Amino acid sequence: MLKKTLGIVTAAVALTALLPMGTAQAATCKGSGCTGKNPQATGCGADARTLKGSRIPPAGGGPAVELRVSPSCSAAWARIQKANSNWRFKIETKKGPTYTEHASPNYPAYTAMVWNSHAYRACVEQYDGAGGSWTCTKWF
């Protein structure tokens, strides 16, 4: 009996070693249930992609904002790469909430998610010290 148990344990360990490291977390929300939630904490970032034509820098130059979408979560959010924290960016919807965040000098930053069933876009503010104008992607 001990040999059989050891054989099963050895096989399980061998199979575990063959699994890819960092296996993606299963998404914990879908659709409207993702609105206002963190895309990384919910697992929605695992299958995310940047929408073609959604990366846009502010009119006066600076860090570009981009729209990210998760097919498994039916959700979208805005992301900006590392930049001075004075830069603000947002995701807005035609029929729903707007979420605004500040960039981070240490890591890419992102907004909370919105359900992608309504039109949405990402915007970045032209930083001029006095509150600049917003440059936005087209509506998706």
Protein backbone atom coordinates (compact mmCIF):
# COMPACT_ATOMS: atom_id res chain seq x y z
CA MET A 1 0.00 0.00 0.00
CA LEU A 2 2.87 2.36 0.86
CA LYS A 3 4.49 1.76 -2.56
CA LYS A 4 1.22 2.58 -4.32
CA THR A 5 0.77 5.79 -2.30
CA LEU A 6 4.34 6.88 -2.95
CA GLY A 7 3.88 6.16 -6.65
CA ILE A 8 0.77 8.38 -6.77
CA VAL A 9 2.51 11.20 -4.89
CA THR A 10 5.56 10.95 -7.17
CA ALA A 11 3.34 11.09 -10.26
CA ALA A 12 1.45 14.12 -8.89
CA VAL A 13 4.71 15.97 -8.18
CA ALA A 14 6.00 15.16 -11.67
CA LEU A 15 2.81 16.42 -13.31
CA THR A 16 2.85 19.60 -11.22
CA ALA A 17 6.37 20.34 -12.45
CA LEU A 18 5.09 20.20 -16.03
CA LEU A 19 2.42 22.87 -15.46
CA PRO A 20 3.33 26.41 -16.56
CA MET A 21 4.41 28.77 -13.80
CA GLY A 22 2.14 31.75 -13.15
CA THR A 23 -1.02 30.10 -14.44
CA ALA A 24 -3.62 32.85 -14.94
CA GLN A 25 -6.13 33.54 -12.22
CA ALA A 26 -9.73 32.81 -13.21
CA ALA A 27 -11.81 35.99 -13.55
CA THR A 28 -14.05 36.71 -10.58
CA CYS A 29 -16.49 39.06 -12.34
CA LYS A 30 -18.30 39.47 -15.65
CA GLY A 31 -20.02 42.38 -17.39
CA SER A 32 -21.70 44.92 -15.12
CA GLY A 33 -20.35 43.00 -12.11
CA CYS A 34 -16.85 44.23 -13.03
CA THR A 35 -17.76 47.93 -13.06
CA GLY A 36 -15.66 49.83 -10.55
CA LYS A 37 -13.38 46.88 -9.81
CA ASN A 38 -9.63 46.42 -10.16
CA PRO A 39 -8.73 44.53 -13.39
CA GLN A 40 -5.72 42.83 -11.81
CA ALA A 41 -7.36 41.78 -8.54
CA THR A 42 -10.33 40.25 -10.40
CA GLY A 43 -8.20 38.30 -12.88
CA CYS A 44 -9.52 40.29 -15.83
CA GLY A 45 -6.00 41.41 -16.72
CA ALA A 46 -5.02 37.83 -17.56
CA ASP A 47 -6.57 37.83 -21.05
CA ALA A 48 -6.50 41.60 -21.62
CA ARG A 49 -5.42 43.16 -24.87
CA THR A 50 -4.98 46.73 -26.04
CA LEU A 51 -7.60 47.78 -28.58
CA LYS A 52 -6.18 48.63 -31.99
CA GLY A 53 -6.17 52.40 -32.49
CA SER A 54 -6.75 53.14 -28.80
CA ARG A 55 -3.27 54.36 -27.84
CA ILE A 56 -3.14 58.16 -27.84
CA PRO A 57 -0.71 60.71 -26.34
CA PRO A 58 -1.89 64.07 -24.99
CA ALA A 59 -2.07 66.90 -27.55
CA GLY A 60 1.04 68.65 -26.21
CA GLY A 61 3.09 65.46 -25.86
CA GLY A 62 3.59 63.15 -22.93
CA PRO A 63 2.62 59.64 -21.87
CA ALA A 64 0.04 57.87 -24.00
CA VAL A 65 -3.14 56.38 -22.60
CA GLU A 66 -4.57 53.17 -24.03
CA LEU A 67 -7.75 51.13 -23.72
CA ARG A 68 -7.47 47.59 -22.41
CA VAL A 69 -10.27 45.03 -22.75
CA SER A 70 -10.87 41.61 -21.27
CA PRO A 71 -13.00 39.29 -23.42
CA SER A 72 -13.63 36.91 -20.51
CA CYS A 73 -14.86 39.72 -18.26
CA SER A 74 -16.64 41.86 -20.89
CA ALA A 75 -14.92 44.85 -19.32
CA ALA A 76 -12.58 47.70 -20.29
CA TRP A 77 -10.21 50.08 -18.53
CA ALA A 78 -7.60 52.74 -19.32
CA ARG A 79 -3.89 52.23 -18.73
CA ILE A 80 -0.90 54.56 -18.82
CA GLN A 81 2.76 53.57 -18.64
CA LYS A 82 5.18 54.88 -16.00
CA ALA A 83 5.02 58.68 -15.84
CA ASN A 84 5.15 61.58 -13.43
CA SER A 85 2.19 61.29 -11.04
CA ASN A 86 0.92 64.73 -12.10
CA TRP A 87 -0.44 63.13 -15.28
CA ARG A 88 -4.12 62.18 -15.00
CA PHE A 89 -6.00 59.77 -17.23
CA LYS A 90 -9.49 58.30 -17.28
CA ILE A 91 -11.97 55.96 -18.82
CA GLU A 92 -15.42 57.32 -19.50
CA THR A 93 -18.63 55.82 -20.80
CA LYS A 94 -21.60 57.38 -22.54
CA LYS A 95 -24.05 55.59 -20.22
CA GLY A 96 -22.17 54.97 -17.02
CA PRO A 97 -19.37 55.99 -14.72
CA THR A 98 -16.08 57.74 -15.36
CA TYR A 99 -12.96 56.66 -13.46
CA THR A 100 -9.96 59.01 -13.22
CA GLU A 101 -6.50 58.06 -11.93
CA HIS A 102 -2.98 59.47 -11.71
CA ALA A 103 0.05 57.96 -13.41
CA SER A 104 2.81 56.42 -11.32
CA PRO A 105 6.55 56.95 -11.78
CA ASN A 106 7.13 53.35 -10.62
CA TYR A 107 4.72 51.18 -12.61
CA PRO A 108 1.99 51.27 -15.28
CA ALA A 109 -1.24 52.57 -13.74
CA TYR A 110 -4.81 51.74 -14.67
CA THR A 111 -8.36 52.79 -13.90
CA ALA A 112 -11.19 50.75 -12.48
CA MET A 113 -13.16 48.78 -15.06
CA VAL A 114 -16.37 49.55 -16.92
CA TRP A 115 -18.75 47.12 -18.59
CA ASN A 116 -18.01 47.30 -22.30
CA SER A 117 -21.63 47.00 -23.41
CA HIS A 118 -21.88 50.80 -23.83
CA ALA A 119 -19.56 53.16 -25.70
CA TYR A 120 -16.37 53.97 -23.82
CA ARG A 121 -13.10 55.81 -24.41
CA ALA A 122 -9.80 56.63 -22.68
CA CYS A 123 -8.49 60.15 -22.15
CA VAL A 124 -5.26 61.72 -20.90
CA GLU A 125 -4.98 65.25 -19.53
CA GLN A 126 -2.38 67.65 -20.87
CA TYR A 127 -0.38 68.45 -17.77
CA ASP A 128 0.41 72.14 -17.57
CA GLY A 129 0.26 72.72 -13.84
CA ALA A 130 -3.10 74.48 -14.02
CA GLY A 131 -5.34 71.66 -15.20
CA GLY A 132 -5.02 71.16 -18.91
CA SER A 133 -7.30 69.93 -21.65
CA TRP A 134 -8.12 66.27 -22.26
CA THR A 135 -7.14 64.28 -25.36
CA CYS A 136 -9.35 61.22 -25.89
CA THR A 137 -9.47 58.12 -28.06
CA LYS A 138 -12.44 57.59 -30.34
CA TRP A 139 -15.48 55.94 -28.80
CA PHE A 140 -15.32 52.14 -28.90
